[in-house]
Amino acid sequence: LFVEGRPAQVVPGKKFDPEVVERDGTRIETAFQSLFYRELEEDSYGHTYDIVVCHGNVIRYFVMRALQLPPEAWLRLRTFNCSLTYVLIRPSGSVSLNSMGDVSHLLMDAISFSSHLGFEW
């Protein structure tokens, strides 16, 4: 479910193949719903943490959906390879984006996005 894909059309922007977006979007939305939900209070046993390793497009879509923002804006967000994103979901259902695309654990010459190195692209 967490495989790279095109989770939504981009507005404004280039139109992706609608069949690809439908297929990928449905799959990635299913992945989102498997992780991002509000537990019933009686089911809550304190803090839980999920570590998810996946592609940037999936992460960007998850962040947009978690913050209840239009998923069509997913390409306006940027993540770097090997970056960390931290989303906090409280029992009340409120959500905070604590960090996104954090690369402070990497050396400057190890920071990349796609085939581009560093911040200079």
N, C-alpha and C. Protein backbone atom coordinates (compact mmCIF):
# COMPACT_ATOMS: atom_id res chain seq x y z
N LEU A 1 0.81 -1.22 0.00
CA LEU A 1 0.00 0.00 0.00
C LEU A 1 0.84 1.27 0.00
N PHE A 2 2.08 1.18 0.46
CA PHE A 2 2.93 2.35 0.65
C PHE A 2 3.88 2.62 -0.51
N VAL A 3 3.65 1.95 -1.62
CA VAL A 3 4.50 2.11 -2.80
C VAL A 3 4.28 3.49 -3.42
N GLU A 4 5.33 4.03 -4.01
CA GLU A 4 5.26 5.33 -4.68
C GLU A 4 4.11 5.37 -5.68
N GLY A 5 3.58 6.55 -5.90
CA GLY A 5 2.50 6.71 -6.86
C GLY A 5 2.07 8.15 -6.98
N ARG A 6 1.02 8.38 -7.72
CA ARG A 6 0.41 9.69 -7.89
C ARG A 6 -0.93 9.65 -7.17
N PRO A 7 -0.96 10.15 -5.93
CA PRO A 7 -2.15 9.98 -5.10
C PRO A 7 -3.33 10.87 -5.45
N ALA A 8 -3.08 11.98 -6.13
CA ALA A 8 -4.17 12.92 -6.46
C ALA A 8 -3.72 13.78 -7.63
N GLN A 9 -4.69 14.37 -8.30
CA GLN A 9 -4.35 15.36 -9.32
C GLN A 9 -3.70 16.55 -8.63
N VAL A 10 -3.07 17.41 -9.37
CA VAL A 10 -2.42 18.59 -8.82
C VAL A 10 -3.17 19.82 -9.33
N VAL A 11 -3.60 20.68 -8.40
CA VAL A 11 -4.33 21.89 -8.78
C VAL A 11 -3.61 23.07 -8.17
N PRO A 12 -3.16 24.06 -8.92
CA PRO A 12 -3.07 24.01 -10.38
C PRO A 12 -1.87 23.16 -10.77
N GLY A 13 -1.85 22.70 -11.99
CA GLY A 13 -0.71 21.93 -12.44
C GLY A 13 -1.04 21.00 -13.56
N LYS A 14 -0.05 20.24 -13.93
CA LYS A 14 -0.17 19.27 -15.00
C LYS A 14 -1.15 18.17 -14.61
N LYS A 15 -2.02 17.78 -15.52
CA LYS A 15 -2.95 16.69 -15.27
C LYS A 15 -2.25 15.36 -15.45
N PHE A 16 -2.33 14.51 -14.44
CA PHE A 16 -1.81 13.16 -14.54
C PHE A 16 -2.89 12.27 -15.15
N ASP A 17 -2.50 11.12 -15.67
CA ASP A 17 -3.43 10.15 -16.23
C ASP A 17 -4.47 9.80 -15.17
N PRO A 18 -5.77 10.07 -15.45
CA PRO A 18 -6.82 9.83 -14.45
C PRO A 18 -6.88 8.38 -13.95
N GLU A 19 -6.59 7.42 -14.81
CA GLU A 19 -6.61 6.02 -14.38
C GLU A 19 -5.50 5.73 -13.38
N VAL A 20 -4.33 6.33 -13.61
CA VAL A 20 -3.21 6.15 -12.68
C VAL A 20 -3.54 6.79 -11.34
N VAL A 21 -4.09 7.99 -11.38
CA VAL A 21 -4.45 8.68 -10.14
C VAL A 21 -5.53 7.91 -9.38
N GLU A 22 -6.51 7.39 -10.08
CA GLU A 22 -7.57 6.60 -9.43
C GLU A 22 -6.98 5.36 -8.76
N ARG A 23 -6.13 4.64 -9.48
CA ARG A 23 -5.52 3.41 -8.95
C ARG A 23 -4.61 3.73 -7.77
N ASP A 24 -3.65 4.67 -7.98
CA ASP A 24 -2.69 5.01 -6.92
C ASP A 24 -3.38 5.70 -5.76
N GLY A 25 -4.30 6.60 -6.07
CA GLY A 25 -4.98 7.34 -5.01
C GLY A 25 -5.78 6.44 -4.09
N THR A 26 -6.47 5.47 -4.66
CA THR A 26 -7.25 4.52 -3.85
C THR A 26 -6.33 3.71 -2.94
N ARG A 27 -5.22 3.24 -3.50
CA ARG A 27 -4.26 2.45 -2.73
C ARG A 27 -3.63 3.27 -1.61
N ILE A 28 -3.19 4.48 -1.93
CA ILE A 28 -2.52 5.32 -0.94
C ILE A 28 -3.50 5.82 0.11
N GLU A 29 -4.73 6.07 -0.27
CA GLU A 29 -5.76 6.45 0.71
C GLU A 29 -6.01 5.29 1.68
N THR A 30 -6.02 4.07 1.18
CA THR A 30 -6.18 2.90 2.06
C THR A 30 -5.02 2.83 3.05
N ALA A 31 -3.80 3.10 2.58
CA ALA A 31 -2.63 3.12 3.47
C ALA A 31 -2.80 4.22 4.52
N PHE A 32 -3.26 5.39 4.09
CA PHE A 32 -3.48 6.50 5.03
C PHE A 32 -4.46 6.09 6.12
N GLN A 33 -5.57 5.51 5.73
CA GLN A 33 -6.60 5.13 6.70
C GLN A 33 -6.13 4.02 7.64
N SER A 34 -5.15 3.22 7.21
CA SER A 34 -4.63 2.17 8.09
C SER A 34 -3.76 2.74 9.21
N LEU A 35 -3.26 3.96 9.03
CA LEU A 35 -2.37 4.57 10.03
C LEU A 35 -2.98 5.74 10.78
N PHE A 36 -3.77 6.54 10.09
CA PHE A 36 -4.26 7.80 10.66
C PHE A 36 -5.73 7.64 11.03
N TYR A 37 -5.96 7.43 12.30
CA TYR A 37 -7.33 7.31 12.79
C TYR A 37 -7.33 7.68 14.26
N ARG A 38 -8.51 8.00 14.75
CA ARG A 38 -8.67 8.37 16.15
C ARG A 38 -9.11 7.12 16.90
N GLU A 39 -8.32 6.70 17.89
CA GLU A 39 -8.69 5.54 18.67
C GLU A 39 -9.80 5.91 19.64
N LEU A 40 -10.68 4.96 19.88
CA LEU A 40 -11.69 5.17 20.92
C LEU A 40 -10.98 5.23 22.25
N GLU A 41 -11.49 6.08 23.15
CA GLU A 41 -10.78 6.30 24.40
C GLU A 41 -10.53 5.02 25.18
N GLU A 42 -11.50 4.10 25.20
CA GLU A 42 -11.30 2.87 25.95
C GLU A 42 -10.25 1.96 25.31
N ASP A 43 -9.91 2.20 24.04
CA ASP A 43 -8.89 1.40 23.36
C ASP A 43 -7.49 2.00 23.51
N SER A 44 -7.40 3.16 24.14
CA SER A 44 -6.12 3.86 24.19
C SER A 44 -5.28 3.35 25.36
N TYR A 45 -4.04 2.95 25.08
CA TYR A 45 -3.14 2.45 26.10
C TYR A 45 -1.90 3.33 26.22
N GLY A 46 -2.07 4.61 26.13
CA GLY A 46 -0.92 5.50 26.21
C GLY A 46 -0.40 5.82 24.82
N HIS A 47 0.82 6.28 24.76
CA HIS A 47 1.42 6.70 23.50
C HIS A 47 1.77 5.48 22.64
N THR A 48 1.54 5.62 21.37
CA THR A 48 2.01 4.62 20.41
C THR A 48 2.74 5.36 19.30
N TYR A 49 3.68 4.70 18.69
CA TYR A 49 4.46 5.29 17.62
C TYR A 49 4.48 4.34 16.44
N ASP A 50 4.25 4.86 15.27
CA ASP A 50 4.38 4.09 14.04
C ASP A 50 5.49 4.70 13.22
N ILE A 51 6.42 3.90 12.80
CA ILE A 51 7.49 4.36 11.92
C ILE A 51 7.19 3.80 10.54
N VAL A 52 7.07 4.70 9.59
CA VAL A 52 6.71 4.32 8.23
C VAL A 52 7.85 4.73 7.31
N VAL A 53 8.32 3.82 6.51
CA VAL A 53 9.35 4.11 5.52
C VAL A 53 8.69 4.01 4.16
N CYS A 54 8.64 5.14 3.46
CA CYS A 54 7.98 5.15 2.15
C CYS A 54 8.46 6.35 1.33
N HIS A 55 7.94 6.46 0.14
CA HIS A 55 8.34 7.51 -0.79
C HIS A 55 7.74 8.87 -0.42
N GLY A 56 8.37 9.91 -0.93
CA GLY A 56 7.95 11.28 -0.65
C GLY A 56 6.53 11.61 -1.10
N ASN A 57 6.10 11.09 -2.24
CA ASN A 57 4.73 11.37 -2.69
C ASN A 57 3.71 10.85 -1.69
N VAL A 58 3.97 9.69 -1.14
CA VAL A 58 3.07 9.10 -0.15
C VAL A 58 3.07 9.96 1.12
N ILE A 59 4.25 10.36 1.56
CA ILE A 59 4.36 11.19 2.77
C ILE A 59 3.63 12.51 2.57
N ARG A 60 3.84 13.15 1.42
CA ARG A 60 3.18 14.43 1.16
C ARG A 60 1.66 14.29 1.18
N TYR A 61 1.16 13.22 0.59
CA TYR A 61 -0.28 12.98 0.60
C TYR A 61 -0.77 12.75 2.03
N PHE A 62 -0.06 11.92 2.80
CA PHE A 62 -0.44 11.67 4.19
C PHE A 62 -0.53 12.97 4.99
N VAL A 63 0.46 13.84 4.81
CA VAL A 63 0.48 15.11 5.56
C VAL A 63 -0.72 15.98 5.18
N MET A 64 -1.00 16.09 3.89
CA MET A 64 -2.16 16.89 3.47
C MET A 64 -3.45 16.34 4.06
N ARG A 65 -3.64 15.04 3.99
CA ARG A 65 -4.86 14.42 4.51
C ARG A 65 -4.93 14.55 6.03
N ALA A 66 -3.81 14.33 6.73
CA ALA A 66 -3.81 14.40 8.19
C ALA A 66 -4.17 15.80 8.68
N LEU A 67 -3.72 16.82 7.94
CA LEU A 67 -4.01 18.21 8.31
C LEU A 67 -5.34 18.69 7.75
N GLN A 68 -6.07 17.81 7.10
CA GLN A 68 -7.37 18.13 6.50
C GLN A 68 -7.27 19.26 5.49
N LEU A 69 -6.20 19.19 4.70
CA LEU A 69 -5.98 20.15 3.62
C LEU A 69 -6.25 19.45 2.29
N PRO A 70 -6.54 20.19 1.23
CA PRO A 70 -6.84 19.55 -0.06
C PRO A 70 -5.67 18.69 -0.54
N PRO A 71 -5.90 17.39 -0.77
CA PRO A 71 -4.82 16.54 -1.23
C PRO A 71 -4.27 16.96 -2.59
N GLU A 72 -5.02 17.73 -3.36
CA GLU A 72 -4.54 18.20 -4.66
C GLU A 72 -3.35 19.14 -4.55
N ALA A 73 -3.00 19.56 -3.34
CA ALA A 73 -1.86 20.45 -3.12
C ALA A 73 -0.60 19.68 -2.69
N TRP A 74 -0.62 18.37 -2.80
CA TRP A 74 0.48 17.55 -2.30
C TRP A 74 1.84 17.88 -2.90
N LEU A 75 1.89 18.30 -4.16
CA LEU A 75 3.18 18.61 -4.77
C LEU A 75 3.74 19.97 -4.34
N ARG A 76 3.00 20.72 -3.56
CA ARG A 76 3.51 22.00 -3.05
C ARG A 76 4.44 21.78 -1.86
N LEU A 77 4.43 20.56 -1.33
CA LEU A 77 5.30 20.22 -0.21
C LEU A 77 6.55 19.54 -0.74
N ARG A 78 7.64 19.67 -0.01
CA ARG A 78 8.91 19.09 -0.45
C ARG A 78 9.46 18.22 0.67
N THR A 79 9.90 17.04 0.31
CA THR A 79 10.64 16.18 1.23
C THR A 79 11.95 15.79 0.55
N PHE A 80 12.95 15.56 1.33
CA PHE A 80 14.24 15.10 0.81
C PHE A 80 14.34 13.60 1.02
N ASN A 81 15.24 12.96 0.26
CA ASN A 81 15.51 11.55 0.48
C ASN A 81 16.02 11.35 1.90
N CYS A 82 15.54 10.32 2.55
CA CYS A 82 15.99 9.96 3.91
C CYS A 82 15.59 11.01 4.95
N SER A 83 14.60 11.84 4.64
CA SER A 83 14.18 12.85 5.61
C SER A 83 13.16 12.27 6.59
N LEU A 84 12.96 12.98 7.68
CA LEU A 84 12.03 12.56 8.72
C LEU A 84 10.83 13.50 8.76
N THR A 85 9.66 12.92 8.87
CA THR A 85 8.43 13.68 9.04
C THR A 85 7.76 13.15 10.30
N TYR A 86 7.29 14.07 11.13
CA TYR A 86 6.73 13.70 12.42
C TYR A 86 5.34 14.32 12.54
N VAL A 87 4.32 13.47 12.55
CA VAL A 87 2.93 13.90 12.69
C VAL A 87 2.42 13.42 14.04
N LEU A 88 1.83 14.32 14.81
CA LEU A 88 1.29 13.99 16.12
C LEU A 88 -0.24 13.98 16.03
N ILE A 89 -0.84 12.88 16.44
CA ILE A 89 -2.30 12.76 16.48
C ILE A 89 -2.69 12.55 17.94
N ARG A 90 -3.47 13.47 18.45
CA ARG A 90 -3.90 13.39 19.85
C ARG A 90 -5.18 12.56 19.95
N PRO A 91 -5.48 12.03 21.14
CA PRO A 91 -6.70 11.25 21.31
C PRO A 91 -7.97 12.02 20.93
N SER A 92 -7.92 13.34 21.03
CA SER A 92 -9.07 14.17 20.67
C SER A 92 -9.30 14.20 19.15
N GLY A 93 -8.27 13.79 18.41
CA GLY A 93 -8.35 13.84 16.95
C GLY A 93 -7.61 15.03 16.36
N SER A 94 -7.17 15.96 17.19
CA SER A 94 -6.41 17.09 16.64
C SER A 94 -5.04 16.61 16.18
N VAL A 95 -4.55 17.24 15.14
CA VAL A 95 -3.31 16.81 14.49
C VAL A 95 -2.34 17.98 14.41
N SER A 96 -1.08 17.70 14.66
CA SER A 96 -0.02 18.70 14.49
C SER A 96 1.07 18.10 13.62
N LEU A 97 1.62 18.92 12.74
CA LEU A 97 2.78 18.53 11.96
C LEU A 97 3.99 19.08 12.70
N ASN A 98 4.70 18.21 13.42
CA ASN A 98 5.84 18.65 14.21
C ASN A 98 7.05 18.94 13.34
N SER A 99 7.24 18.16 12.29
CA SER A 99 8.31 18.45 11.33
C SER A 99 8.01 17.70 10.04
N MET A 100 8.57 18.21 8.95
CA MET A 100 8.40 17.55 7.66
C MET A 100 9.68 17.72 6.85
N GLY A 101 10.18 16.64 6.31
CA GLY A 101 11.37 16.70 5.46
C GLY A 101 12.63 17.07 6.21
N ASP A 102 12.68 16.79 7.51
CA ASP A 102 13.84 17.15 8.32
C ASP A 102 15.06 16.32 7.91
N VAL A 103 16.15 16.99 7.60
CA VAL A 103 17.39 16.32 7.21
C VAL A 103 18.55 16.69 8.14
N SER A 104 18.22 17.15 9.35
CA SER A 104 19.28 17.60 10.25
C SER A 104 20.19 16.45 10.70
N HIS A 105 19.77 15.23 10.51
CA HIS A 105 20.59 14.07 10.87
C HIS A 105 21.59 13.69 9.77
N LEU A 106 21.53 14.39 8.63
CA LEU A 106 22.40 14.07 7.49
C LEU A 106 23.48 15.13 7.32
N LEU A 107 24.61 14.72 6.78
CA LEU A 107 25.64 15.68 6.38
C LEU A 107 25.17 16.39 5.12
N MET A 108 25.63 17.61 4.90
CA MET A 108 25.20 18.39 3.74
C MET A 108 25.40 17.66 2.41
N ASP A 109 26.51 16.94 2.28
CA ASP A 109 26.76 16.26 1.00
C ASP A 109 25.94 14.98 0.84
N ALA A 110 25.14 14.63 1.85
CA ALA A 110 24.27 13.45 1.76
C ALA A 110 22.81 13.85 1.50
N ILE A 111 22.52 15.14 1.46
CA ILE A 111 21.15 15.60 1.25
C ILE A 111 20.83 15.59 -0.24
N SER A 112 19.70 14.94 -0.58
CA SER A 112 19.33 14.86 -1.99
C SER A 112 17.82 14.80 -2.14
N PHE A 113 17.38 15.13 -3.35
CA PHE A 113 15.99 14.96 -3.75
C PHE A 113 16.02 14.50 -5.20
N SER A 114 15.42 13.37 -5.47
CA SER A 114 15.46 12.80 -6.81
C SER A 114 16.94 12.63 -7.17
N SER A 115 17.39 13.19 -8.27
CA SER A 115 18.81 13.05 -8.64
C SER A 115 19.59 14.32 -8.33
N HIS A 116 19.01 15.23 -7.57
CA HIS A 116 19.66 16.49 -7.23
C HIS A 116 20.29 16.40 -5.84
N LEU A 117 21.49 16.97 -5.69
CA LEU A 117 22.19 16.96 -4.41
C LEU A 117 22.04 18.30 -3.71
N GLY A 118 21.95 18.26 -2.40
CA GLY A 118 21.93 19.46 -1.58
C GLY A 118 20.71 20.34 -1.80
N PHE A 119 20.86 21.60 -1.43
CA PHE A 119 19.77 22.58 -1.53
C PHE A 119 19.88 23.43 -2.79
N GLU A 120 20.95 23.30 -3.53
CA GLU A 120 21.24 24.18 -4.66
C GLU A 120 20.69 23.66 -5.99
N TRP A 121 19.41 23.52 -6.12
CA TRP A 121 18.83 23.07 -7.38
C TRP A 121 17.52 23.71 -7.66
